[in-house]
Amino acid sequence: MKIDNSIKPATGSSVPATRSRGPEPAAGDAKSSAAADVRLSGISSQIKASGEGMPIDAARISEIKQAISEGRFTINAGAIADRLISTARELVNTKQQS
């Protein structure tokens, strides 16, 4: 998408900093109730209840935080790129097989 720079803001104008979005939806409006209605799937509830999920290595997290605060944390861009490419290949191969 190209950003059009042909429209320049007027200098010294009295345009308000915020724009009105129009009238607020009524309390019973479908849009307002749909935005507030959030439900988790059954699987997410089961995972939360079982306590399973990604293992968290608190010691490793502390090491990384310390390294960042001391300015000695380095990122291996090559390893990240290799893993990203590997994951992309796996996804492509999975899609081709199905």
PDB file of N, CA and C in Angstrom:
ATOM      1  N   MET A   1       0.841  -1.168   0.000  1.00  0.00           N
ATOM      2  CA  MET A   1       0.000   0.000   0.000  1.00  0.00           C
ATOM      3  C   MET A   1       0.885   1.229   0.000  1.00  0.00           C
ATOM      4  N   LYS A   2       0.552   2.181  -0.846  1.00  0.00           N
ATOM      5  CA  LYS A   2       1.338   3.402  -0.957  1.00  0.00           C
ATOM      6  C   LYS A   2       0.694   4.493  -0.124  1.00  0.00           C
ATOM      7  N   ILE A   3       1.515   5.225   0.601  1.00  0.00           N
ATOM      8  CA  ILE A   3       1.021   6.329   1.412  1.00  0.00           C
ATOM      9  C   ILE A   3       1.031   7.585   0.572  1.00  0.00           C
ATOM     10  N   ASP A   4      -0.122   8.245   0.525  1.00  0.00           N
ATOM     11  CA  ASP A   4      -0.270   9.443  -0.286  1.00  0.00           C
ATOM     12  C   ASP A   4       0.167  10.652   0.534  1.00  0.00           C
ATOM     13  N   ASN A   5       1.236  11.309   0.091  1.00  0.00           N
ATOM     14  CA  ASN A   5       1.748  12.484   0.784  1.00  0.00           C
ATOM     15  C   ASN A   5       1.252  13.783   0.166  1.00  0.00           C
ATOM     16  N   SER A   6       0.289  13.709  -0.733  1.00  0.00           N
ATOM     17  CA  SER A   6      -0.163  14.918  -1.412  1.00  0.00           C
ATOM     18  C   SER A   6      -1.027  15.801  -0.508  1.00  0.00           C
ATOM     19  N   ILE A   7      -1.617  15.244   0.514  1.00  0.00           N
ATOM     20  CA  ILE A   7      -2.449  16.030   1.426  1.00  0.00           C
ATOM     21  C   ILE A   7      -1.580  16.468   2.589  1.00  0.00           C
ATOM     22  N   LYS A   8      -1.405  17.748   2.707  1.00  0.00           N
ATOM     23  CA  LYS A   8      -0.572  18.311   3.773  1.00  0.00           C
ATOM     24  C   LYS A   8      -1.477  18.961   4.811  1.00  0.00           C
ATOM     25  N   PRO A   9      -1.182  18.785   6.098  1.00  0.00           N
ATOM     26  CA  PRO A   9      -2.008  19.422   7.120  1.00  0.00           C
ATOM     27  C   PRO A   9      -1.843  20.928   7.079  1.00  0.00           C
ATOM     28  N   ALA A  10      -2.923  21.618   7.331  1.00  0.00           N
ATOM     29  CA  ALA A  10      -2.878  23.082   7.356  1.00  0.00           C
ATOM     30  C   ALA A  10      -2.181  23.526   8.624  1.00  0.00           C
ATOM     31  N   THR A  11      -1.305  24.493   8.500  1.00  0.00           N
ATOM     32  CA  THR A  11      -0.610  24.996   9.683  1.00  0.00           C
ATOM     33  C   THR A  11      -1.418  26.120  10.287  1.00  0.00           C
ATOM     34  N   GLY A  12      -1.470  26.169  11.592  1.00  0.00           N
ATOM     35  CA  GLY A  12      -2.174  27.234  12.282  1.00  0.00           C
ATOM     36  C   GLY A  12      -3.679  27.097  12.268  1.00  0.00           C
ATOM     37  N   SER A  13      -4.192  25.966  11.802  1.00  0.00           N
ATOM     38  CA  SER A  13      -5.640  25.801  11.788  1.00  0.00           C
ATOM     39  C   SER A  13      -6.131  25.363  13.153  1.00  0.00           C
ATOM     40  N   SER A  14      -7.404  25.473  13.359  1.00  0.00           N
ATOM     41  CA  SER A  14      -7.975  25.102  14.648  1.00  0.00           C
ATOM     42  C   SER A  14      -8.672  23.755  14.570  1.00  0.00           C
ATOM     43  N   VAL A  15      -8.024  22.768  13.951  1.00  0.00           N
ATOM     44  CA  VAL A  15      -8.577  21.422  13.855  1.00  0.00           C
ATOM     45  C   VAL A  15      -8.389  20.737  15.198  1.00  0.00           C
ATOM     46  N   PRO A  16      -9.448  20.137  15.774  1.00  0.00           N
ATOM     47  CA  PRO A  16      -9.294  19.480  17.062  1.00  0.00           C
ATOM     48  C   PRO A  16      -8.331  18.297  16.968  1.00  0.00           C
ATOM     49  N   ALA A  17      -7.646  18.026  18.071  1.00  0.00           N
ATOM     50  CA  ALA A  17      -6.662  16.941  18.101  1.00  0.00           C
ATOM     51  C   ALA A  17      -7.310  15.580  17.951  1.00  0.00           C
ATOM     52  N   THR A  18      -8.529  15.408  18.433  1.00  0.00           N
ATOM     53  CA  THR A  18      -9.227  14.133  18.309  1.00  0.00           C
ATOM     54  C   THR A  18     -10.462  14.325  17.478  1.00  0.00           C
ATOM     55  N   ARG A  19     -10.854  13.280  16.809  1.00  0.00           N
ATOM     56  CA  ARG A  19     -12.046  13.336  15.984  1.00  0.00           C
ATOM     57  C   ARG A  19     -13.140  12.513  16.633  1.00  0.00           C
ATOM     58  N   SER A  20     -14.351  12.932  16.450  1.00  0.00           N
ATOM     59  CA  SER A  20     -15.485  12.199  16.986  1.00  0.00           C
ATOM     60  C   SER A  20     -15.716  10.962  16.141  1.00  0.00           C
ATOM     61  N   ARG A  21     -16.015   9.872  16.779  1.00  0.00           N
ATOM     62  CA  ARG A  21     -16.285   8.622  16.070  1.00  0.00           C
ATOM     63  C   ARG A  21     -17.769   8.436  15.815  1.00  0.00           C
ATOM     64  N   GLY A  22     -18.542   9.410  16.139  1.00  0.00           N
ATOM     65  CA  GLY A  22     -19.974   9.288  15.967  1.00  0.00           C
ATOM     66  C   GLY A  22     -20.613   8.898  17.284  1.00  0.00           C
ATOM     67  N   PRO A  23     -21.916   8.634  17.262  1.00  0.00           N
ATOM     68  CA  PRO A  23     -22.605   8.314  18.512  1.00  0.00           C
ATOM     69  C   PRO A  23     -22.140   6.970  19.067  1.00  0.00           C
ATOM     70  N   GLU A  24     -22.082   6.910  20.381  1.00  0.00           N
ATOM     71  CA  GLU A  24     -21.718   5.666  21.050  1.00  0.00           C
ATOM     72  C   GLU A  24     -22.889   4.698  20.920  1.00  0.00           C
ATOM     73  N   PRO A  25     -22.608   3.382  20.766  1.00  0.00           N
ATOM     74  CA  PRO A  25     -23.704   2.417  20.653  1.00  0.00           C
ATOM     75  C   PRO A  25     -24.474   2.308  21.967  1.00  0.00           C
ATOM     76  N   ALA A  26     -25.746   2.033  21.842  1.00  0.00           N
ATOM     77  CA  ALA A  26     -26.591   1.868  23.023  1.00  0.00           C
ATOM     78  C   ALA A  26     -26.190   0.608  23.772  1.00  0.00           C
ATOM     79  N   ALA A  27     -26.563   0.509  25.035  1.00  0.00           N
ATOM     80  CA  ALA A  27     -26.171  -0.624  25.870  1.00  0.00           C
ATOM     81  C   ALA A  27     -26.653  -1.947  25.289  1.00  0.00           C
ATOM     82  N   GLY A  28     -27.800  -1.988  24.679  1.00  0.00           N
ATOM     83  CA  GLY A  28     -28.338  -3.226  24.130  1.00  0.00           C
ATOM     84  C   GLY A  28     -27.935  -3.472  22.689  1.00  0.00           C
ATOM     85  N   ASP A  29     -27.141  -2.607  22.111  1.00  0.00           N
ATOM     86  CA  ASP A  29     -26.730  -2.712  20.719  1.00  0.00           C
ATOM     87  C   ASP A  29     -25.915  -3.976  20.511  1.00  0.00           C
ATOM     88  N   ALA A  30     -26.089  -4.642  19.375  1.00  0.00           N
ATOM     89  CA  ALA A  30     -25.387  -5.893  19.082  1.00  0.00           C
ATOM     90  C   ALA A  30     -23.877  -5.700  19.052  1.00  0.00           C
ATOM     91  N   LYS A  31     -23.424  -4.569  18.536  1.00  0.00           N
ATOM     92  CA  LYS A  31     -21.982  -4.330  18.457  1.00  0.00           C
ATOM     93  C   LYS A  31     -21.350  -4.238  19.835  1.00  0.00           C
ATOM     94  N   SER A  32     -21.988  -3.520  20.742  1.00  0.00           N
ATOM     95  CA  SER A  32     -21.402  -3.341  22.067  1.00  0.00           C
ATOM     96  C   SER A  32     -21.408  -4.639  22.857  1.00  0.00           C
ATOM     97  N   SER A  33     -22.460  -5.437  22.745  1.00  0.00           N
ATOM     98  CA  SER A  33     -22.496  -6.696  23.494  1.00  0.00           C
ATOM     99  C   SER A  33     -21.566  -7.726  22.871  1.00  0.00           C
ATOM    100  N   ALA A  34     -21.380  -7.710  21.557  1.00  0.00           N
ATOM    101  CA  ALA A  34     -20.477  -8.658  20.914  1.00  0.00           C
ATOM    102  C   ALA A  34     -19.033  -8.366  21.290  1.00  0.00           C
ATOM    103  N   ALA A  35     -18.687  -7.098  21.429  1.00  0.00           N
ATOM    104  CA  ALA A  35     -17.323  -6.742  21.782  1.00  0.00           C
ATOM    105  C   ALA A  35     -16.995  -7.161  23.202  1.00  0.00           C
ATOM    106  N   ALA A  36     -17.967  -7.176  24.084  1.00  0.00           N
ATOM    107  CA  ALA A  36     -17.734  -7.518  25.479  1.00  0.00           C
ATOM    108  C   ALA A  36     -17.875  -9.014  25.732  1.00  0.00           C
ATOM    109  N   ASP A  37     -18.422  -9.764  24.791  1.00  0.00           N
ATOM    110  CA  ASP A  37     -18.674 -11.188  24.980  1.00  0.00           C
ATOM    111  C   ASP A  37     -17.472 -12.000  24.512  1.00  0.00           C
ATOM    112  N   VAL A  38     -16.664 -12.464  25.464  1.00  0.00           N
ATOM    113  CA  VAL A  38     -15.484 -13.253  25.143  1.00  0.00           C
ATOM    114  C   VAL A  38     -15.625 -14.605  25.806  1.00  0.00           C
ATOM    115  N   ARG A  39     -15.436 -15.658  25.035  1.00  0.00           N
ATOM    116  CA  ARG A  39     -15.538 -17.015  25.583  1.00  0.00           C
ATOM    117  C   ARG A  39     -14.323 -17.821  25.159  1.00  0.00           C
ATOM    118  N   LEU A  40     -13.810 -18.608  26.088  1.00  0.00           N
ATOM    119  CA  LEU A  40     -12.689 -19.488  25.781  1.00  0.00           C
ATOM    120  C   LEU A  40     -13.220 -20.831  25.322  1.00  0.00           C
ATOM    121  N   SER A  41     -12.473 -21.483  24.442  1.00  0.00           N
ATOM    122  CA  SER A  41     -12.892 -22.792  23.972  1.00  0.00           C
ATOM    123  C   SER A  41     -12.745 -23.815  25.091  1.00  0.00           C
ATOM    124  N   GLY A  42     -13.350 -24.954  24.919  1.00  0.00           N
ATOM    125  CA  GLY A  42     -13.254 -26.023  25.902  1.00  0.00           C
ATOM    126  C   GLY A  42     -11.832 -26.512  26.082  1.00  0.00           C
ATOM    127  N   ILE A  43     -11.072 -26.548  25.000  1.00  0.00           N
ATOM    128  CA  ILE A  43      -9.683 -27.015  25.069  1.00  0.00           C
ATOM    129  C   ILE A  43      -8.841 -26.071  25.909  1.00  0.00           C
ATOM    130  N   SER A  44      -9.025 -24.770  25.742  1.00  0.00           N
ATOM    131  CA  SER A  44      -8.233 -23.830  26.529  1.00  0.00           C
ATOM    132  C   SER A  44      -8.551 -23.957  28.010  1.00  0.00           C
ATOM    133  N   SER A  45      -9.809 -24.229  28.342  1.00  0.00           N
ATOM    134  CA  SER A  45     -10.181 -24.432  29.737  1.00  0.00           C
ATOM    135  C   SER A  45      -9.534 -25.691  30.296  1.00  0.00           C
ATOM    136  N   GLN A  46      -9.475 -26.742  29.481  1.00  0.00           N
ATOM    137  CA  GLN A  46      -8.852 -27.997  29.909  1.00  0.00           C
ATOM    138  C   GLN A  46      -7.357 -27.816  30.137  1.00  0.00           C
ATOM    139  N   ILE A  47      -6.700 -27.095  29.249  1.00  0.00           N
ATOM    140  CA  ILE A  47      -5.263 -26.859  29.389  1.00  0.00           C
ATOM    141  C   ILE A  47      -4.997 -26.065  30.657  1.00  0.00           C
ATOM    142  N   LYS A  48      -5.783 -25.038  30.882  1.00  0.00           N
ATOM    143  CA  LYS A  48      -5.604 -24.210  32.072  1.00  0.00           C
ATOM    144  C   LYS A  48      -5.823 -25.037  33.340  1.00  0.00           C
ATOM    145  N   ALA A  49      -6.844 -25.889  33.336  1.00  0.00           N
ATOM    146  CA  ALA A  49      -7.159 -26.704  34.505  1.00  0.00           C
ATOM    147  C   ALA A  49      -6.088 -27.757  34.767  1.00  0.00           C
ATOM    148  N   SER A  50      -5.515 -28.309  33.712  1.00  0.00           N
ATOM    149  CA  SER A  50      -4.523 -29.372  33.889  1.00  0.00           C
ATOM    150  C   SER A  50      -3.161 -28.836  34.290  1.00  0.00           C
ATOM    151  N   GLY A  51      -2.936 -27.548  34.060  1.00  0.00           N
ATOM    152  CA  GLY A  51      -1.646 -26.958  34.410  1.00  0.00           C
ATOM    153  C   GLY A  51      -0.573 -27.262  33.387  1.00  0.00           C
ATOM    154  N   GLU A  52      -0.945 -27.924  32.294  1.00  0.00           N
ATOM    155  CA  GLU A  52       0.025 -28.255  31.258  1.00  0.00           C
ATOM    156  C   GLU A  52       0.191 -27.070  30.319  1.00  0.00           C
ATOM    157  N   GLY A  53       1.156 -27.177  29.483  1.00  0.00           N
ATOM    158  CA  GLY A  53       1.428 -26.128  28.518  1.00  0.00           C
ATOM    159  C   GLY A  53       2.917 -26.061  28.284  1.00  0.00           C
ATOM    160  N   MET A  54       3.362 -24.941  27.835  1.00  0.00           N
ATOM    161  CA  MET A  54       4.784 -24.765  27.585  1.00  0.00           C
ATOM    162  C   MET A  54       5.534 -24.732  28.912  1.00  0.00           C
ATOM    163  N   PRO A  55       6.585 -25.540  29.023  1.00  0.00           N
ATOM    164  CA  PRO A  55       7.367 -25.500  30.260  1.00  0.00           C
ATOM    165  C   PRO A  55       8.102 -24.167  30.379  1.00  0.00           C
ATOM    166  N   ILE A  56       8.162 -23.639  31.574  1.00  0.00           N
ATOM    167  CA  ILE A  56       8.812 -22.357  31.804  1.00  0.00           C
ATOM    168  C   ILE A  56      10.055 -22.594  32.638  1.00  0.00           C
ATOM    169  N   ASP A  57      11.185 -22.160  32.109  1.00  0.00           N
ATOM    170  CA  ASP A  57      12.460 -22.289  32.809  1.00  0.00           C
ATOM    171  C   ASP A  57      12.771 -20.946  33.460  1.00  0.00           C
ATOM    172  N   ALA A  58      12.370 -20.811  34.716  1.00  0.00           N
ATOM    173  CA  ALA A  58      12.527 -19.549  35.428  1.00  0.00           C
ATOM    174  C   ALA A  58      13.992 -19.147  35.550  1.00  0.00           C
ATOM    175  N   ALA A  59      14.876 -20.111  35.726  1.00  0.00           N
ATOM    176  CA  ALA A  59      16.306 -19.800  35.840  1.00  0.00           C
ATOM    177  C   ALA A  59      16.826 -19.206  34.540  1.00  0.00           C
ATOM    178  N   ARG A  60      16.407 -19.773  33.415  1.00  0.00           N
ATOM    179  CA  ARG A  60      16.855 -19.264  32.111  1.00  0.00           C
ATOM    180  C   ARG A  60      16.312 -17.863  31.863  1.00  0.00           C
ATOM    181  N   ILE A  61      15.076 -17.628  32.259  1.00  0.00           N
ATOM    182  CA  ILE A  61      14.479 -16.302  32.110  1.00  0.00           C
ATOM    183  C   ILE A  61      15.264 -15.285  32.931  1.00  0.00           C
ATOM    184  N   SER A  62      15.634 -15.658  34.139  1.00  0.00           N
ATOM    185  CA  SER A  62      16.428 -14.754  34.988  1.00  0.00           C
ATOM    186  C   SER A  62      17.785 -14.456  34.361  1.00  0.00           C
ATOM    187  N   GLU A  63      18.414 -15.486  33.777  1.00  0.00           N
ATOM    188  CA  GLU A  63      19.714 -15.286  33.106  1.00  0.00           C
ATOM    189  C   GLU A  63      19.584 -14.286  31.955  1.00  0.00           C
ATOM    190  N   ILE A  64      18.529 -14.444  31.164  1.00  0.00           N
ATOM    191  CA  ILE A  64      18.325 -13.564  30.010  1.00  0.00           C
ATOM    192  C   ILE A  64      18.048 -12.137  30.477  1.00  0.00           C
ATOM    193  N   LYS A  65      17.216 -11.975  31.500  1.00  0.00           N
ATOM    194  CA  LYS A  65      16.936 -10.641  32.037  1.00  0.00           C
ATOM    195  C   LYS A  65      18.216  -9.971  32.527  1.00  0.00           C
ATOM    196  N   GLN A  66      19.050 -10.733  33.234  1.00  0.00           N
ATOM    197  CA  GLN A  66      20.306 -10.199  33.751  1.00  0.00           C
ATOM    198  C   GLN A  66      21.222  -9.780  32.604  1.00  0.00           C
ATOM    199  N   ALA A  67      21.329 -10.633  31.581  1.00  0.00           N
ATOM    200  CA  ALA A  67      22.184 -10.323  30.430  1.00  0.00           C
ATOM    201  C   ALA A  67      21.701  -9.070  29.711  1.00  0.00           C
ATOM    202  N   ILE A  68      20.380  -8.915  29.575  1.00  0.00           N
ATOM    203  CA  ILE A  68      19.828  -7.721  28.921  1.00  0.00           C
ATOM    204  C   ILE A  68      20.162  -6.479  29.741  1.00  0.00           C
ATOM    205  N   SER A  69      19.956  -6.564  31.052  1.00  0.00           N
ATOM    206  CA  SER A  69      20.207  -5.389  31.896  1.00  0.00           C
ATOM    207  C   SER A  69      21.683  -5.003  31.927  1.00  0.00           C
ATOM    208  N   GLU A  70      22.573  -5.980  31.750  1.00  0.00           N
ATOM    209  CA  GLU A  70      24.010  -5.706  31.747  1.00  0.00           C
ATOM    210  C   GLU A  70      24.542  -5.375  30.358  1.00  0.00           C
ATOM    211  N   GLY A  71      23.670  -5.463  29.346  1.00  0.00           N
ATOM    212  CA  GLY A  71      24.075  -5.122  27.982  1.00  0.00           C
ATOM    213  C   GLY A  71      24.922  -6.181  27.301  1.00  0.00           C
ATOM    214  N   ARG A  72      24.880  -7.414  27.778  1.00  0.00           N
ATOM    215  CA  ARG A  72      25.692  -8.468  27.164  1.00  0.00           C
ATOM    216  C   ARG A  72      24.846  -9.532  26.459  1.00  0.00           C
ATOM    217  N   PHE A  73      23.569  -9.260  26.291  1.00  0.00           N
ATOM    218  CA  PHE A  73      22.684 -10.181  25.588  1.00  0.00           C
ATOM    219  C   PHE A  73      22.856  -9.990  24.086  1.00  0.00           C
ATOM    220  N   THR A  74      23.161 -11.047  23.375  1.00  0.00           N
ATOM    221  CA  THR A  74      23.311 -10.966  21.923  1.00  0.00           C
ATOM    222  C   THR A  74      22.283 -11.861  21.250  1.00  0.00           C
ATOM    223  N   ILE A  75      21.909 -11.475  20.070  1.00  0.00           N
ATOM    224  CA  ILE A  75      20.929 -12.230  19.293  1.00  0.00           C
ATOM    225  C   ILE A  75      21.649 -12.858  18.110  1.00  0.00           C
ATOM    226  N   ASN A  76      21.452 -14.156  17.936  1.00  0.00           N
ATOM    227  CA  ASN A  76      22.049 -14.874  16.825  1.00  0.00           C
ATOM    228  C   ASN A  76      21.060 -14.862  15.661  1.00  0.00           C
ATOM    229  N   ALA A  77      21.164 -13.856  14.814  1.00  0.00           N
ATOM    230  CA  ALA A  77      20.219 -13.683  13.703  1.00  0.00           C
ATOM    231  C   ALA A  77      20.258 -14.864  12.741  1.00  0.00           C
ATOM    232  N   GLY A  78      21.430 -15.452  12.548  1.00  0.00           N
ATOM    233  CA  GLY A  78      21.558 -16.599  11.647  1.00  0.00           C
ATOM    234  C   GLY A  78      20.759 -17.799  12.130  1.00  0.00           C
ATOM    235  N   ALA A  79      20.831 -18.081  13.423  1.00  0.00           N
ATOM    236  CA  ALA A  79      20.086 -19.209  13.985  1.00  0.00           C
ATOM    237  C   ALA A  79      18.582 -18.963  13.896  1.00  0.00           C
ATOM    238  N   ILE A  80      18.174 -17.729  14.161  1.00  0.00           N
ATOM    239  CA  ILE A  80      16.753 -17.391  14.071  1.00  0.00           C
ATOM    240  C   ILE A  80      16.270 -17.560  12.631  1.00  0.00           C
ATOM    241  N   ALA A  81      17.051 -17.075  11.687  1.00  0.00           N
ATOM    242  CA  ALA A  81      16.674 -17.191  10.273  1.00  0.00           C
ATOM    243  C   ALA A  81      16.599 -18.656   9.847  1.00  0.00           C
ATOM    244  N   ASP A  82      17.576 -19.465  10.272  1.00  0.00           N
ATOM    245  CA  ASP A  82      17.572 -20.893   9.919  1.00  0.00           C
ATOM    246  C   ASP A  82      16.329 -21.592  10.442  1.00  0.00           C
ATOM    247  N   ARG A  83      15.968 -21.313  11.680  1.00  0.00           N
ATOM    248  CA  ARG A  83      14.782 -21.947  12.272  1.00  0.00           C
ATOM    249  C   ARG A  83      13.503 -21.455  11.615  1.00  0.00           C
ATOM    250  N   LEU A  84      13.468 -20.182  11.258  1.00  0.00           N
ATOM    251  CA  LEU A  84      12.293 -19.634  10.577  1.00  0.00           C
ATOM    252  C   LEU A  84      12.106 -20.291   9.213  1.00  0.00           C
ATOM    253  N   ILE A  85      13.196 -20.440   8.472  1.00  0.00           N
ATOM    254  CA  ILE A  85      13.134 -21.084   7.156  1.00  0.00           C
ATOM    255  C   ILE A  85      12.717 -22.539   7.309  1.00  0.00           C
ATOM    256  N   SER A  86      13.253 -23.223   8.316  1.00  0.00           N
ATOM    257  CA  SER A  86      12.903 -24.618   8.563  1.00  0.00           C
ATOM    258  C   SER A  86      11.416 -24.766   8.867  1.00  0.00           C
ATOM    259  N   THR A  87      10.897 -23.887   9.694  1.00  0.00           N
ATOM    260  CA  THR A  87       9.475 -23.920  10.040  1.00  0.00           C
ATOM    261  C   THR A  87       8.618 -23.641   8.811  1.00  0.00           C
ATOM    262  N   ALA A  88       9.029 -22.690   7.996  1.00  0.00           N
ATOM    263  CA  ALA A  88       8.283 -22.370   6.774  1.00  0.00           C
ATOM    264  C   ALA A  88       8.270 -23.568   5.827  1.00  0.00           C
ATOM    265  N   ARG A  89       9.410 -24.252   5.689  1.00  0.00           N
ATOM    266  CA  ARG A  89       9.465 -25.451   4.835  1.00  0.00           C
ATOM    267  C   ARG A  89       8.527 -26.536   5.348  1.00  0.00           C
ATOM    268  N   GLU A  90       8.516 -26.742   6.662  1.00  0.00           N
ATOM    269  CA  GLU A  90       7.624 -27.748   7.244  1.00  0.00           C
ATOM    270  C   GLU A  90       6.171 -27.409   6.959  1.00  0.00           C
ATOM    271  N   LEU A  91       5.805 -26.136   7.085  1.00  0.00           N
ATOM    272  CA  LEU A  91       4.437 -25.730   6.818  1.00  0.00           C
ATOM    273  C   LEU A  91       4.061 -25.939   5.353  1.00  0.00           C
ATOM    274  N   VAL A  92       4.974 -25.597   4.454  1.00  0.00           N
ATOM    275  CA  VAL A  92       4.719 -25.775   3.021  1.00  0.00           C
ATOM    276  C   VAL A  92       4.564 -27.258   2.703  1.00  0.00           C
ATOM    277  N   ASN A  93       5.453 -28.089   3.251  1.00  0.00           N
ATOM    278  CA  ASN A  93       5.371 -29.524   3.004  1.00  0.00           C
ATOM    279  C   ASN A  93       4.076 -30.113   3.561  1.00  0.00           C
ATOM    280  N   THR A  94       3.639 -29.662   4.712  1.00  0.00           N
ATOM    281  CA  THR A  94       2.400 -30.135   5.305  1.00  0.00           C
ATOM    282  C   THR A  94       1.213 -29.770   4.431  1.00  0.00           C
ATOM    283  N   LYS A  95       1.203 -28.541   3.916  1.00  0.00           N
ATOM    284  CA  LYS A  95       0.098 -28.085   3.050  1.00  0.00           C
ATOM    285  C   LYS A  95       0.073 -28.867   1.745  1.00  0.00           C
ATOM    286  N   GLN A  96       1.250 -29.204   1.191  1.00  0.00           N
ATOM    287  CA  GLN A  96       1.324 -29.925  -0.065  1.00  0.00           C
ATOM    288  C   GLN A  96       0.847 -31.366   0.098  1.00  0.00           C
ATOM    289  N   GLN A  97       1.067 -31.952   1.264  1.00  0.00           N
ATOM    290  CA  GLN A  97       0.673 -33.345   1.497  1.00  0.00           C
ATOM    291  C   GLN A  97      -0.812 -33.490   1.753  1.00  0.00           C
ATOM    292  N   SER A  98      -1.474 -32.417   2.205  1.00  0.00           N
ATOM    293  CA  SER A  98      -2.906 -32.540   2.500  1.00  0.00           C
ATOM    294  C   SER A  98      -3.769 -32.193   1.332  1.00  0.00           C
TER     295      SER A  98
END
